[in-house]
Amino acid sequence: MGTLGLDMERGLFLGIDFGTTNSVVSLFNFAEGEAVTIPVDGGNIFPTAIQFETDPDDDTKLSRVFGVQAKEAAVIYPLSTVLSIKRRLGMEENITVTVDDKEYSFKPEEVAGEIIGYLKSKADEYVQEELNIAGEFSGCVITVPANSTDKQKKMTKLAAMKAGFDENNVFLRLEPAAAAISYAVNETTDKKVLVYDFGGGTFDACILELKIGEVGEPTISILSTYGDNQLGGNDIDKIIMDMIYEEFKKLTNGEIDLFDEHADDGVSKRQKKVAIVRLMQAANQAKERLSQAKSTKVVLAPFIQEPKIININMEITREDFAAHQRVNPLGDTQEYYEKFREKNLEDLLQVTIECVNRCMESAGLTESDIDEVFLVGGSSSLIQVGEKIGEKFGKEPFRSRISPALSISQGAAHYCNMIMMPTVKGPVVQEKTIHPLGLEIAGRRFMEIVGGGLDIPSEGLVVEAAELLTTNFDNVSSMAIVVYENTLPKKSETAPLVHMEGMKRLAGTSLRGIPQRSRGEEKVKVIFSVGQDNMLRVTAKSTSESGAVTELAVDELYG
């Protein structure tokens, strides 16, 4: 792998797909002119897991175990193992682990940073030992779901910085766009492509337009995106968990509640934790086997050993899996459980199709306009997903030579290529605004400020509202600044109302300290700034010499 022509002052860049269940890292091989996945601990797919234990050389410190070993350790040490940390990013609640009866607390981004740091160290070893390149990765392109909140994006970037990447060299890019690059590298014709991204913790539908230039290089534009950040492969796993748990309830006459640590049912807290982790892992493995086989065995012997030994030995067919309706909370909050209560696999897949429908409606397209459907994410491998897509679009999904689980990371590596060697040709994603953005004004009307489909330059897009806001009453000293996104824009001569279908409230704040004057005399200028990472900043400023200024970061964009 040669380094001639590299922007070595910026260092090496790593493409990271940091997933809820699994993570993948890739780099761009300049000698071969393609993205390649870096094996970590012997495999391309790395479980996003960390286990804490007492340092054998210093019992006042903790050591860490990562990946496959941590995932396996969760069965024995559930209280000191953290899984699915990505779903906790952006939350205020700390992560608590118990090691040798001592409790330790970490912020979610600290735990995520430890895992990303381990991936970085293994990637550093790979390029040094296998590719004979001196130095280490100083930058990365790390992907985020299309419907991530601003806070989740911030915490993801902070985690990457804690992992050892330079602040100015951490780039966030949308997962569907990265996946599209993996698809586009071998394309030779203009196409509209639906990226169906079903990961462990989120689902995203994204429509992209590929245009092949005169020199054969594709340009990718995002036309629309729509998703659900509370639906992922983990929720499909819970259908199988529910099936196994129902068998367990039959064997115990419903006398043991594994998810109630305080129940007086003869099972210790630790035994329950171990049983739940084994239940999760058995369900995930069964789901993966049912992607290939028509039936699978689930054997957990023994499953629990107190107050008596309970063995589980059951057969699950693909038909049983598809038909089963979830009936147990399985540790979910009541609000979250209600979303999935009495839902089966068909119901969950239908939610993804509804997201696809919203995505197409937003782009003004129908099924016949979609030339290809590209499946991304581990859960997209389910037989039922392919059947659902075939039923809706009248064609089979695109069969890539790249595994759906690797495509996002390899697409991120192509982004790295653009950063490290900006003069080298390759697929280019033209970052655009997706949906119109604006403010709520008098009469609960929507005033559009940023239109959909506008190019976002590398330095970001800055748009000043064409009209100044004015005060609606005499002697007011504050003004509400409420930001909306029009996810389903329709052609109309009148401004839509903010309570109409498709209008999504993103954030709100108050501009305080406005000079008190008569109604309409005080005016406020509003500026929207959208970065290439699709993070939005809104600035509102009173035009008076003594006027006030407020700025807010929008917490959710393009969901």
Protein backbone atom coordinates (compact mmCIF):
# COMPACT_ATOMS: atom_id res chain seq x y z
CA MET A 1 0.00 0.00 0.00
CA GLY A 2 1.75 3.14 -1.17
CA THR A 3 1.42 6.51 0.47
CA LEU A 4 2.55 8.68 -2.45
CA GLY A 5 0.33 11.74 -2.74
CA LEU A 6 -1.27 11.33 0.66
CA ASP A 7 -2.01 14.39 2.73
CA MET A 8 0.22 12.95 5.44
CA GLU A 9 0.07 16.14 7.49
CA ARG A 10 -3.47 15.13 8.36
CA GLY A 11 -2.41 11.55 9.09
CA LEU A 12 -4.30 8.35 8.35
CA PHE A 13 -8.12 8.20 8.48
CA LEU A 14 -10.19 5.24 9.62
CA GLY A 15 -13.73 4.46 8.46
CA ILE A 16 -15.85 3.40 11.45
CA ASP A 17 -19.33 1.90 11.52
CA PHE A 18 -19.99 2.10 15.26
CA GLY A 19 -23.05 -0.08 15.67
CA THR A 20 -25.46 -0.94 18.46
CA THR A 21 -24.69 -4.66 18.32
CA ASN A 22 -21.57 -4.86 16.15
CA SER A 23 -18.94 -2.47 14.81
CA VAL A 24 -16.74 -2.59 11.71
CA VAL A 25 -13.62 -0.60 10.75
CA SER A 26 -12.22 -0.15 7.24
CA LEU A 27 -9.52 1.76 5.43
CA PHE A 28 -8.96 2.76 1.84
CA ASN A 29 -6.22 0.68 0.22
CA PHE A 30 -4.55 3.09 -2.19
CA ALA A 31 -2.48 0.35 -3.81
CA GLU A 32 -5.61 -1.58 -4.78
CA GLY A 33 -7.85 1.44 -5.17
CA GLU A 34 -10.58 0.00 -2.94
CA ALA A 35 -11.90 0.00 0.60
CA VAL A 36 -10.99 -3.00 2.75
CA THR A 37 -12.26 -4.09 6.15
CA ILE A 38 -9.67 -4.45 8.91
CA PRO A 39 -10.00 -7.70 10.88
CA VAL A 40 -10.16 -7.12 14.63
CA ASP A 41 -9.37 -10.08 16.89
CA GLY A 42 -9.72 -12.46 13.96
CA GLY A 43 -13.04 -11.26 12.55
CA ASN A 44 -14.42 -8.48 10.35
CA ILE A 45 -17.43 -7.97 12.61
CA PHE A 46 -16.61 -6.82 16.14
CA PRO A 47 -19.23 -7.10 18.92
CA THR A 48 -19.78 -3.65 20.46
CA ALA A 49 -19.15 -4.88 23.98
CA ILE A 50 -16.88 -4.09 26.92
CA GLN A 51 -16.34 -5.88 30.22
CA PHE A 52 -14.64 -4.34 33.24
CA GLU A 53 -12.57 -6.34 35.71
CA THR A 54 -10.10 -5.68 38.52
CA ASP A 55 -6.59 -5.14 37.24
CA PRO A 56 -4.54 -8.18 38.37
CA ASP A 57 -1.48 -5.96 38.93
CA ASP A 58 -3.28 -3.18 40.82
CA ASP A 59 -6.54 -3.91 42.61
CA THR A 60 -7.32 -0.17 42.79
CA LYS A 61 -7.67 0.01 39.01
CA LEU A 62 -9.88 -1.56 36.37
CA SER A 63 -8.82 -3.38 33.23
CA ARG A 64 -10.99 -3.94 30.16
CA VAL A 65 -11.99 -6.81 27.90
CA PHE A 66 -13.51 -6.04 24.49
CA GLY A 67 -15.45 -7.59 21.65
CA VAL A 68 -16.12 -11.32 21.46
CA GLN A 69 -14.54 -12.01 24.85
CA ALA A 70 -16.64 -9.30 26.49
CA LYS A 71 -19.81 -10.58 24.83
CA GLU A 72 -19.09 -14.08 26.10
CA ALA A 73 -18.10 -12.74 29.53
CA ALA A 74 -21.54 -11.14 29.82
CA VAL A 75 -22.96 -14.59 30.55
CA ILE A 76 -20.69 -14.99 33.58
CA TYR A 77 -20.22 -11.34 34.57
CA PRO A 78 -23.42 -9.54 33.54
CA LEU A 79 -23.02 -6.78 36.14
CA SER A 80 -19.61 -5.70 34.81
CA THR A 81 -20.38 -5.95 31.08
CA VAL A 82 -21.90 -3.23 28.88
CA LEU A 83 -23.73 -4.06 25.65
CA SER A 84 -25.60 -1.83 23.15
CA ILE A 85 -23.91 1.36 24.37
CA LYS A 86 -24.88 3.19 21.18
CA ARG A 87 -28.51 3.32 22.32
CA ARG A 88 -27.38 5.15 25.45
CA LEU A 89 -25.47 7.92 23.68
CA GLY A 90 -27.24 11.24 24.15
CA MET A 91 -28.82 10.15 27.42
CA GLU A 92 -28.05 11.86 30.72
CA GLU A 93 -28.08 8.69 32.82
CA ASN A 94 -24.66 7.23 33.62
CA ILE A 95 -23.64 3.61 33.08
CA THR A 96 -23.10 1.70 36.33
CA VAL A 97 -21.04 -1.50 36.50
CA THR A 98 -20.26 -3.69 39.49
CA VAL A 99 -16.82 -5.28 39.77
CA ASP A 100 -15.95 -7.38 42.84
CA ASP A 101 -18.84 -5.81 44.75
CA LYS A 102 -17.67 -2.27 43.98
CA GLU A 103 -19.77 0.07 41.85
CA TYR A 104 -18.25 2.28 39.16
CA SER A 105 -20.04 4.94 37.12
CA PHE A 106 -19.23 6.11 33.60
CA LYS A 107 -20.78 8.52 31.15
CA PRO A 108 -22.09 6.75 28.01
CA GLU A 109 -19.62 8.59 25.76
CA GLU A 110 -16.76 7.43 28.00
CA VAL A 111 -17.74 3.78 27.55
CA ALA A 112 -18.22 4.28 23.81
CA GLY A 113 -14.85 6.02 23.65
CA GLU A 114 -13.15 3.03 25.29
CA ILE A 115 -14.58 0.67 22.67
CA ILE A 116 -13.71 2.97 19.75
CA GLY A 117 -10.24 3.41 21.26
CA TYR A 118 -9.73 -0.35 21.21
CA LEU A 119 -10.78 -0.48 17.56
CA LYS A 120 -8.33 2.34 16.81
CA SER A 121 -5.46 0.51 18.55
CA LYS A 122 -6.14 -2.66 16.56
CA ALA A 123 -6.32 -0.67 13.31
CA ASP A 124 -3.03 1.03 14.19
CA GLU A 125 -1.42 -2.39 14.71
CA TYR A 126 -2.81 -3.63 11.40
CA VAL A 127 -1.38 -0.83 9.24
CA GLN A 128 1.96 -0.94 11.04
CA GLU A 129 2.44 -4.72 11.05
CA GLU A 130 0.54 -5.86 7.95
CA LEU A 131 0.92 -2.86 5.64
CA ASN A 132 4.27 -1.56 6.91
CA ILE A 133 3.01 2.01 7.31
CA ALA A 134 4.53 4.10 10.05
CA GLY A 135 2.30 6.19 12.26
CA GLU A 136 -1.26 5.74 13.41
CA PHE A 137 -4.80 6.86 12.67
CA SER A 138 -5.26 10.47 13.74
CA GLY A 139 -8.62 10.98 12.05
CA CYS A 140 -11.79 9.06 11.31
CA VAL A 141 -15.07 9.15 9.48
CA ILE A 142 -17.61 7.70 11.89
CA THR A 143 -21.14 7.06 10.67
CA VAL A 144 -24.39 7.90 12.46
CA PRO A 145 -28.01 6.95 11.71
CA ALA A 146 -29.83 9.38 9.42
CA ASN A 147 -32.29 10.20 12.20
CA SER A 148 -29.75 10.78 14.98
CA THR A 149 -30.42 13.69 17.27
CA ASP A 150 -27.95 16.53 17.51
CA LYS A 151 -27.05 15.35 21.01
CA GLN A 152 -26.35 11.80 19.81
CA LYS A 153 -24.09 13.18 17.10
CA LYS A 154 -22.22 15.34 19.59
CA MET A 155 -21.71 12.40 21.95
CA THR A 156 -20.53 10.20 19.08
CA LYS A 157 -17.94 12.78 18.12
CA LEU A 158 -16.89 13.19 21.75
CA ALA A 159 -16.50 9.41 22.08
CA ALA A 160 -14.22 9.40 19.00
CA MET A 161 -12.13 12.18 20.54
CA LYS A 162 -11.87 10.24 23.83
CA ALA A 163 -10.68 7.29 21.73
CA GLY A 164 -7.66 9.32 20.62
CA PHE A 165 -8.73 10.92 17.34
CA ASP A 166 -7.94 14.61 16.79
CA GLU A 167 -10.96 16.87 17.29
CA ASN A 168 -10.55 18.57 13.92
CA ASN A 169 -10.17 15.21 12.18
CA VAL A 170 -13.41 13.57 13.35
CA PHE A 171 -16.04 13.65 10.62
CA LEU A 172 -19.62 12.46 11.04
CA ARG A 173 -21.45 11.12 8.01
CA LEU A 174 -24.89 9.53 7.60
CA GLU A 175 -24.95 5.73 7.49
CA PRO A 176 -27.16 5.48 4.36
CA ALA A 177 -24.87 7.86 2.44
CA ALA A 178 -21.82 5.79 3.39
CA ALA A 179 -23.61 2.62 2.32
CA ALA A 180 -24.53 4.26 -0.99
CA ILE A 181 -20.87 4.85 -1.77
CA SER A 182 -20.23 1.11 -1.39
CA TYR A 183 -23.02 0.55 -3.88
CA ALA A 184 -22.00 3.33 -6.28
CA VAL A 185 -18.35 2.36 -6.85
CA ASN A 186 -19.39 -0.26 -9.40
CA GLU A 187 -22.29 1.64 -11.00
CA THR A 188 -22.14 2.94 -14.58
CA THR A 189 -25.67 4.30 -15.11
CA ASP A 190 -27.86 6.98 -13.53
CA LYS A 191 -30.20 5.50 -10.93
CA LYS A 192 -32.48 6.27 -8.02
CA VAL A 193 -31.68 3.93 -5.15
CA LEU A 194 -33.50 3.18 -1.92
CA VAL A 195 -31.14 2.31 0.93
CA TYR A 196 -33.00 0.07 3.39
CA ASP A 197 -30.82 0.22 6.51
CA PHE A 198 -31.91 -2.15 9.28
CA GLY A 199 -29.24 -2.09 11.98
CA GLY A 200 -29.19 -3.38 15.53
CA GLY A 201 -30.72 -0.29 17.11
CA THR A 202 -32.26 1.86 14.37
CA PHE A 203 -33.99 1.72 11.00
CA ASP A 204 -33.40 4.26 8.22
CA ALA A 205 -34.88 4.53 4.75
CA CYS A 206 -32.98 6.83 2.42
CA ILE A 207 -33.46 7.61 -1.27
CA LEU A 208 -30.39 8.60 -3.25
CA GLU A 209 -29.90 9.74 -6.80
CA LEU A 210 -26.79 8.52 -8.60
CA LYS A 211 -25.57 10.45 -11.62
CA ILE A 212 -22.59 9.25 -13.61
CA GLY A 213 -20.37 12.08 -14.85
CA GLU A 214 -18.48 12.32 -18.13
CA VAL A 215 -15.43 10.58 -16.65
CA GLY A 216 -17.55 7.80 -15.20
CA GLU A 217 -17.44 8.99 -11.59
CA PRO A 218 -20.76 8.86 -9.72
CA THR A 219 -22.19 11.78 -7.78
CA ILE A 220 -24.64 10.82 -5.03
CA SER A 221 -27.38 13.15 -3.81
CA ILE A 222 -29.69 12.40 -0.89
CA LEU A 223 -33.28 13.07 -1.96
CA SER A 224 -35.04 12.13 1.27
CA THR A 225 -34.71 10.10 4.43
CA TYR A 226 -37.10 8.82 7.06
CA GLY A 227 -36.50 6.47 9.96
CA ASP A 228 -37.28 5.13 13.40
CA ASN A 229 -34.56 5.38 16.04
CA GLN A 230 -36.47 3.04 18.35
CA LEU A 231 -36.69 0.08 15.99
CA GLY A 232 -33.81 -2.23 15.19
CA GLY A 233 -32.62 -5.80 15.02
CA ASN A 234 -32.55 -5.92 18.82
CA ASP A 235 -36.33 -5.54 18.79
CA ILE A 236 -36.65 -8.47 16.40
CA ASP A 237 -34.43 -10.49 18.74
CA LYS A 238 -36.93 -9.75 21.49
CA ILE A 239 -39.66 -11.58 19.58
CA ILE A 240 -37.57 -14.75 19.84
CA MET A 241 -36.65 -13.89 23.43
CA ASP A 242 -40.38 -13.72 24.10
CA MET A 243 -40.90 -17.16 22.57
CA ILE A 244 -38.17 -18.66 24.75
CA TYR A 245 -39.41 -16.82 27.83
CA GLU A 246 -42.92 -18.16 27.28
CA GLU A 247 -41.46 -21.68 27.31
CA PHE A 248 -39.61 -20.83 30.53
CA LYS A 249 -42.86 -19.60 32.13
CA LYS A 250 -44.55 -22.90 31.25
CA LEU A 251 -41.71 -24.87 32.82
CA THR A 252 -41.87 -22.79 36.02
CA ASN A 253 -45.66 -22.31 36.14
CA GLY A 254 -45.06 -18.55 35.92
CA GLU A 255 -43.62 -18.49 39.46
CA ILE A 256 -40.29 -16.87 38.50
CA ASP A 257 -39.88 -13.38 37.05
CA LEU A 258 -36.36 -13.05 35.66
CA PHE A 259 -36.83 -9.31 35.06
CA ASP A 260 -37.80 -8.45 38.64
CA GLU A 261 -34.60 -8.39 40.69
CA HIS A 262 -36.53 -7.89 43.93
CA ALA A 263 -39.09 -10.69 43.54
CA ASP A 264 -38.95 -13.33 46.28
CA ASP A 265 -38.91 -16.30 43.93
CA GLY A 266 -35.73 -18.08 45.02
CA VAL A 267 -33.52 -16.82 42.17
CA SER A 268 -30.61 -14.52 43.00
CA LYS A 269 -30.07 -11.18 41.30
CA ARG A 270 -26.87 -12.43 39.67
CA GLN A 271 -28.53 -15.63 38.41
CA LYS A 272 -31.27 -13.55 36.82
CA LYS A 273 -28.73 -11.28 35.13
CA VAL A 274 -26.88 -14.29 33.73
CA ALA A 275 -30.12 -15.88 32.50
CA ILE A 276 -31.20 -12.66 30.74
CA VAL A 277 -27.86 -12.33 28.93
CA ARG A 278 -28.05 -15.98 27.83
CA LEU A 279 -31.62 -15.40 26.69
CA MET A 280 -30.53 -12.41 24.59
CA GLN A 281 -27.63 -14.27 23.02
CA ALA A 282 -29.70 -17.39 22.27
CA ALA A 283 -32.37 -15.25 20.59
CA ASN A 284 -29.83 -13.40 18.44
CA GLN A 285 -28.18 -16.66 17.35
CA ALA A 286 -31.57 -18.20 16.54
CA LYS A 287 -32.50 -15.16 14.42
CA GLU A 288 -29.27 -15.46 12.45
CA ARG A 289 -29.80 -19.19 11.87
CA LEU A 290 -33.39 -18.60 10.75
CA SER A 291 -32.04 -16.28 8.06
CA GLN A 292 -30.61 -19.40 6.43
CA ALA A 293 -32.59 -22.37 7.76
CA LYS A 294 -36.30 -23.09 8.07
CA SER A 295 -35.98 -24.07 11.73
CA THR A 296 -33.49 -24.02 14.58
CA LYS A 297 -32.99 -25.57 18.01
CA VAL A 298 -32.62 -23.49 21.15
CA VAL A 299 -30.92 -25.42 23.94
CA LEU A 300 -30.17 -23.77 27.29
CA ALA A 301 -29.19 -26.54 29.68
CA PRO A 302 -29.22 -25.60 32.42
CA PHE A 303 -30.92 -22.23 32.00
CA ILE A 304 -31.18 -21.56 35.75
CA GLN A 305 -30.01 -23.67 38.67
CA GLU A 306 -31.88 -22.10 41.57
CA PRO A 307 -34.26 -22.81 43.26
CA LYS A 308 -34.18 -25.82 40.91
CA ILE A 309 -32.55 -26.73 37.63
CA ILE A 310 -34.57 -25.63 34.57
CA ASN A 311 -33.50 -26.79 31.10
CA ILE A 312 -34.86 -25.31 27.88
CA ASN A 313 -34.88 -27.40 24.72
CA MET A 314 -37.21 -26.13 22.01
CA GLU A 315 -37.57 -25.99 18.25
CA ILE A 316 -38.39 -22.68 16.56
CA THR A 317 -39.52 -22.69 12.94
CA ARG A 318 -39.40 -19.73 10.62
CA GLU A 319 -43.21 -19.78 10.52
CA ASP A 320 -43.46 -19.77 14.34
CA PHE A 321 -41.02 -16.86 14.49
CA ALA A 322 -42.97 -14.86 11.91
CA ALA A 323 -46.32 -15.42 13.63
CA HIS A 324 -45.38 -14.95 17.30
CA GLN A 325 -46.79 -11.87 19.01
CA ARG A 326 -44.71 -10.46 21.83
CA VAL A 327 -46.46 -10.51 25.21
CA ASN A 328 -43.70 -9.86 27.78
CA PRO A 329 -41.99 -6.52 28.63
CA LEU A 330 -38.58 -8.26 28.88
CA GLY A 331 -37.11 -5.42 30.90
CA ASP A 332 -38.27 -2.61 28.60
CA THR A 333 -39.84 0.55 30.00
CA GLN A 334 -43.63 0.59 29.89
CA GLU A 335 -43.64 3.24 27.16
CA TYR A 336 -41.19 1.30 25.00
CA TYR A 337 -42.99 -2.01 25.60
CA GLU A 338 -46.32 -0.56 24.52
CA LYS A 339 -44.81 0.13 21.11
CA PHE A 340 -44.07 -3.58 20.61
CA ARG A 341 -46.82 -5.21 22.65
CA GLU A 342 -48.66 -7.94 20.70
CA LYS A 343 -46.57 -7.16 17.61
CA ASN A 344 -45.07 -9.90 15.47
CA LEU A 345 -42.29 -9.84 12.88
CA GLU A 346 -44.71 -8.86 10.11
CA ASP A 347 -45.85 -5.87 12.18
CA LEU A 348 -42.27 -4.65 12.73
CA LEU A 349 -41.37 -5.05 9.07
CA GLN A 350 -44.52 -3.13 8.18
CA VAL A 351 -43.23 -0.22 10.29
CA THR A 352 -40.09 -0.20 8.12
CA ILE A 353 -42.27 -0.18 5.00
CA GLU A 354 -44.24 2.78 6.38
CA CYS A 355 -40.92 4.60 6.82
CA VAL A 356 -40.09 3.72 3.21
CA ASN A 357 -43.48 5.10 2.11
CA ARG A 358 -42.87 8.38 3.98
CA CYS A 359 -39.42 8.57 2.44
CA MET A 360 -40.80 8.13 -1.10
CA GLU A 361 -43.63 10.59 -0.46
CA SER A 362 -41.15 13.20 0.75
CA ALA A 363 -39.08 12.72 -2.42
CA GLY A 364 -42.18 12.81 -4.63
CA LEU A 365 -41.46 9.31 -5.97
CA THR A 366 -43.35 6.06 -6.40
CA GLU A 367 -42.21 2.44 -6.46
CA SER A 368 -41.72 2.54 -10.24
CA ASP A 369 -39.23 5.41 -9.86
CA ILE A 370 -36.90 3.31 -7.68
CA ASP A 371 -34.35 1.51 -9.85
CA GLU A 372 -32.66 -0.46 -7.07
CA VAL A 373 -33.10 -1.34 -3.41
CA PHE A 374 -29.86 -1.71 -1.48
CA LEU A 375 -30.05 -3.63 1.81
CA VAL A 376 -27.81 -2.51 4.67
CA GLY A 377 -27.42 -3.71 8.27
CA GLY A 378 -27.38 -7.19 9.76
CA SER A 379 -31.15 -7.52 10.15
CA SER A 380 -31.62 -6.89 6.42
CA SER A 381 -30.39 -10.47 5.93
CA LEU A 382 -33.73 -11.83 7.18
CA ILE A 383 -35.53 -13.82 4.49
CA GLN A 384 -38.73 -11.92 5.30
CA VAL A 385 -37.07 -8.57 4.50
CA GLY A 386 -36.18 -9.67 0.98
CA GLU A 387 -39.72 -11.00 0.51
CA LYS A 388 -41.23 -7.74 1.75
CA ILE A 389 -39.09 -5.67 -0.60
CA GLY A 390 -39.88 -7.96 -3.54
CA GLU A 391 -43.59 -7.71 -2.79
CA LYS A 392 -43.52 -3.91 -2.64
CA PHE A 393 -41.21 -3.07 -5.55
CA GLY A 394 -41.77 -6.07 -7.81
CA LYS A 395 -38.06 -6.89 -7.87
CA GLU A 396 -35.44 -8.54 -5.73
CA PRO A 397 -33.11 -6.34 -3.66
CA PHE A 398 -29.68 -5.61 -5.09
CA ARG A 399 -27.21 -8.40 -4.30
CA SER A 400 -23.93 -6.79 -3.40
CA ARG A 401 -20.62 -8.59 -3.27
CA ILE A 402 -20.16 -6.71 0.01
CA SER A 403 -21.93 -8.07 3.07
CA PRO A 404 -24.72 -5.74 4.29
CA ALA A 405 -22.88 -5.67 7.60
CA LEU A 406 -19.67 -4.29 6.02
CA SER A 407 -20.99 -1.80 3.47
CA ILE A 408 -21.35 1.19 5.82
CA SER A 409 -17.81 0.92 7.14
CA GLN A 410 -16.35 0.52 3.65
CA GLY A 411 -18.36 3.52 2.46
CA ALA A 412 -16.90 5.49 5.37
CA ALA A 413 -13.44 4.43 4.18
CA HIS A 414 -14.22 5.96 0.77
CA TYR A 415 -14.99 9.20 2.60
CA CYS A 416 -11.56 8.86 4.21
CA ASN A 417 -10.05 8.58 0.73
CA MET A 418 -11.65 11.89 -0.25
CA ILE A 419 -10.16 13.56 2.84
CA MET A 420 -6.68 12.05 2.53
CA MET A 421 -6.37 12.35 -1.24
CA PRO A 422 -8.83 15.06 -2.35
CA THR A 423 -7.44 15.08 -5.91
CA VAL A 424 -8.21 11.38 -6.45
CA LYS A 425 -11.42 10.63 -8.33
CA GLY A 426 -14.13 8.50 -6.80
CA PRO A 427 -17.77 8.53 -5.70
CA VAL A 428 -18.80 11.90 -4.27
CA VAL A 429 -21.75 12.51 -1.98
CA GLN A 430 -23.27 15.90 -2.67
CA GLU A 431 -24.53 16.81 0.78
CA LYS A 432 -27.91 18.50 0.53
CA THR A 433 -30.66 19.70 2.79
CA ILE A 434 -33.40 17.12 2.71
CA HIS A 435 -36.58 18.73 4.03
CA PRO A 436 -37.56 22.42 4.29
CA LEU A 437 -36.69 24.02 7.63
CA GLY A 438 -38.23 27.07 9.22
CA LEU A 439 -40.00 28.73 12.14
CA GLU A 440 -43.47 28.90 13.62
CA ILE A 441 -44.89 32.40 13.19
CA ALA A 442 -48.19 34.12 14.07
CA GLY A 443 -51.29 32.07 13.40
CA ARG A 444 -49.33 28.84 13.96
CA ARG A 445 -48.04 29.16 10.38
CA PHE A 446 -44.77 27.73 9.09
CA MET A 447 -42.29 30.20 7.61
CA GLU A 448 -39.81 28.31 5.44
CA ILE A 449 -36.24 29.57 5.72
CA VAL A 450 -34.12 26.74 4.29
CA GLY A 451 -35.54 24.90 1.29
CA GLY A 452 -35.17 21.20 0.62
CA GLY A 453 -32.57 19.97 -1.88
CA LEU A 454 -30.08 22.82 -1.38
CA ASP A 455 -26.40 21.97 -1.73
CA ILE A 456 -24.41 22.15 1.51
CA PRO A 457 -20.88 23.39 0.76
CA SER A 458 -17.90 22.09 2.73
CA GLU A 459 -17.93 25.17 4.96
CA GLY A 460 -21.67 24.73 5.65
CA LEU A 461 -24.85 26.38 4.41
CA VAL A 462 -25.90 29.69 5.97
CA VAL A 463 -29.34 31.11 5.15
CA GLU A 464 -30.81 34.30 6.56
CA ALA A 465 -34.60 34.50 6.76
CA ALA A 466 -35.96 36.69 3.96
CA GLU A 467 -38.33 38.38 6.41
CA LEU A 468 -37.59 39.91 9.80
CA LEU A 469 -39.73 38.70 12.69
CA THR A 470 -41.68 41.37 14.54
CA THR A 471 -43.23 41.50 18.00
CA ASN A 472 -46.97 40.74 18.09
CA PHE A 473 -47.80 42.69 21.29
CA ASP A 474 -46.82 45.93 22.99
CA ASN A 475 -43.93 46.01 25.46
CA VAL A 476 -42.86 42.37 25.16
CA SER A 477 -39.33 41.52 26.28
CA SER A 478 -39.03 38.00 24.82
CA MET A 479 -39.97 36.10 21.69
CA ALA A 480 -40.43 32.33 21.20
CA ILE A 481 -38.14 30.82 18.54
CA VAL A 482 -39.62 27.45 17.55
CA VAL A 483 -37.99 25.45 14.75
CA TYR A 484 -39.93 23.05 12.52
CA GLU A 485 -39.07 20.63 9.75
CA ASN A 486 -41.58 20.00 6.94
CA THR A 487 -41.03 16.28 6.30
CA LEU A 488 -43.86 16.07 3.77
CA PRO A 489 -43.73 19.31 1.81
CA LYS A 490 -46.64 19.93 -0.55
CA LYS A 491 -46.99 22.56 -3.27
CA SER A 492 -49.31 25.28 -1.99
CA GLU A 493 -49.66 29.03 -2.31
CA THR A 494 -50.36 29.39 1.41
CA ALA A 495 -47.98 28.66 4.27
CA PRO A 496 -48.76 25.32 5.96
CA LEU A 497 -49.81 25.21 9.60
CA VAL A 498 -47.38 23.68 12.07
CA HIS A 499 -49.93 21.15 13.31
CA MET A 500 -50.46 19.66 9.83
CA GLU A 501 -49.26 16.16 8.92
CA GLY A 502 -45.55 16.05 8.20
CA MET A 503 -44.70 19.10 10.32
CA LYS A 504 -42.13 18.10 12.94
CA ARG A 505 -41.16 20.32 15.88
CA LEU A 506 -37.39 20.15 16.26
CA ALA A 507 -36.51 22.59 19.03
CA GLY A 508 -37.51 25.77 20.75
CA THR A 509 -36.03 28.55 22.83
CA SER A 510 -36.78 32.15 23.80
CA LEU A 511 -35.01 35.31 22.69
CA ARG A 512 -34.94 37.31 25.93
CA GLY A 513 -33.96 40.91 26.59
CA ILE A 514 -35.79 42.48 23.64
CA PRO A 515 -36.23 46.25 24.15
CA GLN A 516 -39.85 46.88 25.13
CA ARG A 517 -41.59 48.87 22.39
CA SER A 518 -44.92 49.07 20.65
CA ARG A 519 -46.15 46.09 18.69
CA GLY A 520 -44.26 45.58 15.43
CA GLU A 521 -41.52 48.12 16.14
CA GLU A 522 -38.92 45.63 17.38
CA LYS A 523 -37.55 43.34 14.66
CA VAL A 524 -35.56 40.10 14.89
CA LYS A 525 -33.18 38.60 12.34
CA VAL A 526 -32.97 34.79 12.15
CA ILE A 527 -30.12 32.80 10.58
CA PHE A 528 -30.10 29.04 9.93
CA SER A 529 -26.73 27.26 9.57
CA VAL A 530 -26.56 23.64 8.36
CA GLY A 531 -23.26 21.73 8.44
CA GLN A 532 -22.25 18.81 6.22
CA ASP A 533 -22.94 16.55 9.19
CA ASN A 534 -26.56 17.80 8.99
CA MET A 535 -26.33 19.50 12.38
CA LEU A 536 -28.42 22.67 12.52
CA ARG A 537 -27.72 25.91 14.37
CA VAL A 538 -30.30 28.69 14.64
CA THR A 539 -29.35 32.23 15.63
CA ALA A 540 -31.93 34.90 16.46
CA LYS A 541 -30.85 38.50 17.04
CA SER A 542 -32.78 41.63 17.84
CA THR A 543 -31.88 44.34 15.31
CA SER A 544 -31.80 47.09 17.96
CA GLU A 545 -28.43 48.41 19.04
CA SER A 546 -29.18 47.14 22.52
CA GLY A 547 -30.80 43.99 21.17
CA ALA A 548 -30.31 40.46 22.49
CA VAL A 549 -28.91 37.37 20.79
CA THR A 550 -29.80 33.70 21.29
CA GLU A 551 -28.54 30.55 19.63
CA LEU A 552 -29.81 26.99 19.84
CA ALA A 553 -28.57 23.65 18.58
CA VAL A 554 -31.45 21.69 17.15
CA ASP A 555 -31.71 18.34 18.89
CA GLU A 556 -33.22 16.33 16.05
CA LEU A 557 -32.89 16.71 12.31
CA TYR A 558 -33.89 14.53 9.35
CA GLY A 559 -35.66 11.84 11.39
